[in-house]
Amino acid sequence: MGYGYNGKILHVNLTTGSIDVEEPTDVFYRTYVGGSALGLYYVLKNVPKGADPLGPDNVLVLSVSVLTGVPVHGLSRSVATARSPLTGLIGDAQAGGFWPAELKFSGFDAIVLKGQSPRPVYLWINNGRAELRDASHLWGLENLETMQQIRSELGDEKIEVTGIGPAGENLVRFASIVSMANRAHGRTGMGAVMGSKRLKAIAVRGDKRPAIADQEAVRRITRWGVDHLGDVDGLAKYGTANIVGSQDAAGGLPTRNFTSGTFEGYETLEGEYMAETILKERDTCYACGVKCKRVVEVKDRVRPEYGGPEYETIATLGSYCGIADLAAVSEGNQICNALGMDTISAGATIAWAMECYEKGLLTASDVDGLDLRFGNADAMLAALRAIGRRQGNLGRLLAEGSARAAAKIGGKATDLLITVKGQEMPAHMPQVKRSLALIYAVNPFGADHMSSEHDPNYNPDAEETKRRRLAYLGLLNPQPDRVLNAEKVRFTYYTELFYSFLDSACMCQFDWGPAWTLYGPEEANELVRAVTGWNVSMFELMKVGERRLNMMRAFNAREGAGRAHDRLPKRLFEPLKGGASDGVACDHGETERAIDMYYQMAGWDNNGTPTRGKLAELGLDWIPG
């Protein structure tokens, strides 16, 4: 066993109830590091082509990395990986909190879940020992109740629990896996996969902290972070809601299903307004001093145990739906955390349904009599409750996600979608941040705002620190925001590789991003060396990110996805209305040329599939052709 990891992978067959432990080599850990890349290894090895995402042949992997649990800011994250029931392609979801560090301390670096239990169960892992326990009494409970009951019956309030609520049990295609009742593996429907396996929760506890190669270097990196917390003061004081106003000012706050980039009610959704009205306290993840997590409370309505809304949630349940009521948005966030749903897909799906209703594509019967119009907060909340439990016509329809719902309705409903590969888009607008048009199109698990750096950080007017950190990645020629030229494609690709490494190393992008965060790429390289003792370079770490990206594309290619799936929705090519982005739209020709160039930079063929040479160069020639 080397430094930074336990050297043990837990394999659980839910069909038979068997539990086995694998002990990979040091080379395996150095090749895949952990997190997303490690999860992809087991999914590619074990999921047969064409497997039903909600069937027993799908494999769900929850993984941490060689860095997880080290007492440095931003190192308690985990990744869930499986075939997605929302897109039918690779699924990937990240989460923070305390569960990831506790999983590491329990003695394992990942859990590989196969098969399908005949009855509801939960997995209990305690200091290297694992067992399946009956969860029939937990089935149907919301996430907070599940956590409380498991802690009570196991007699330890320090046990960390991650699991699914009613949405996962009811196979809502964008169901999430939630820990602490407020930290979610939100995207791509990993909660539905867990629900299909009848696995209610995973409880972990332990004190097995892996050895660190250079403790003094780790302490030095921690102290540097403490000394520079003031550099991310806005994120600490106001959370991600800090950017609501700047997004609106730039014309990049998605409003009324992406028809506009400006919202007249944005002031009551801002982080400062939250701090002045409903903020109770700031929360954090294991060993992190940034404390960006919001905890809000609204008397008789919103409980602090469910945390508070992030920027994405504020936009999707707020401006997407034309709602300027922060209390209602916070209640919607609580519903999603309690029932276990991705707030991005949930809010975006409701916004799409609101536009369909206003245009007569959904009838009163279709929406169970709700006045499902933009601006109706009560209707938004009612829709969330119905979706999470698949109740009524509306709940059953929208639980499938907007792309499947549009296909069922037919006609012009598909023209109103804001989906890529069947997944709803997050709250950063490619019309304004033009590199996102490329990354939204090509990202393997659908449009994602956390898969590359954003344009304003590579702008000629960007701060010196941002320019210096991006220069460390070889990016020396900043470009204006609204261009998508060759240099912007290179910026997108290089930063995508770095973010892909972060998702494999399970490093929080709010602490370790390449430009605007507490630490930068140089410190990330130093940390990996200090923890593991490996003499790694930034080149090697970028190759980890590239390996992950190519594994995802190889999985999708196996399932028949290629260039035709790297397509943006029609809505992005329609001119926006109002604000600083009035009349602005994405350009078809520009986007297609960027995709061509991106494929060439990545070493892929014209269909966006990794070549055999590229897979061999990355040590992935074990993936079938």
Foldseek 3Di string as FASTA:
>chain_A
DFFQALQWEWEAEQAVFDIDIHGDDPVVCLQQQKFLSVQLVCQLVQQDFPDQLLAQSKKKKKFAGSQAQQLAAFRAKIKIWIQFLQQSAIDIFMWFAAVRNLQRQLRHGMYIYGGAHPAAWEWEGHNHDIGIGHCNVVAQFWDVVNLVVVCVVVVHNPKKKKFAALLLLVLLRQFWIDILLAITSGGRRSSVNCNSRNHGMYIGHHRRGGHFQFVVLSVVNRVLLVVQLVLPVLLLQQNQLQCLVVQQQLFQQQALLNQTSHAPLSVLSHSVVCNVPFFDDFAGHRSHDSRNWTFGDDPPAAHRSNTFDHPQLCRLLDRLLNENHRSLSRSLSSLCSGLGHRSNQLSSLLSLVQVCVVVVLADCQQLVNDNSHRHDSVSSSVLSNCLSNVHHNSNVLCSSTQVSSCVVSDDCSLLSAFWFSSGHATRGACLQQVLQLQCQLQQLSHRDPQQFDTQVLLAPPHDPQQQVLVVVLVLNHRDDRRALDPSSLVRRLSRNLLSLLCSSNSGDCQAERRGRHSHHPVVVQSVVCRRRVDPDDSVSSSLSSLSSRQSSLLRVVSNVAFNVSSDGRNSQQAAHPDHNRGGTHDDPVRNVVSNCSNLVVSCHDPRSHHDCVSCVVSVNNVSDD
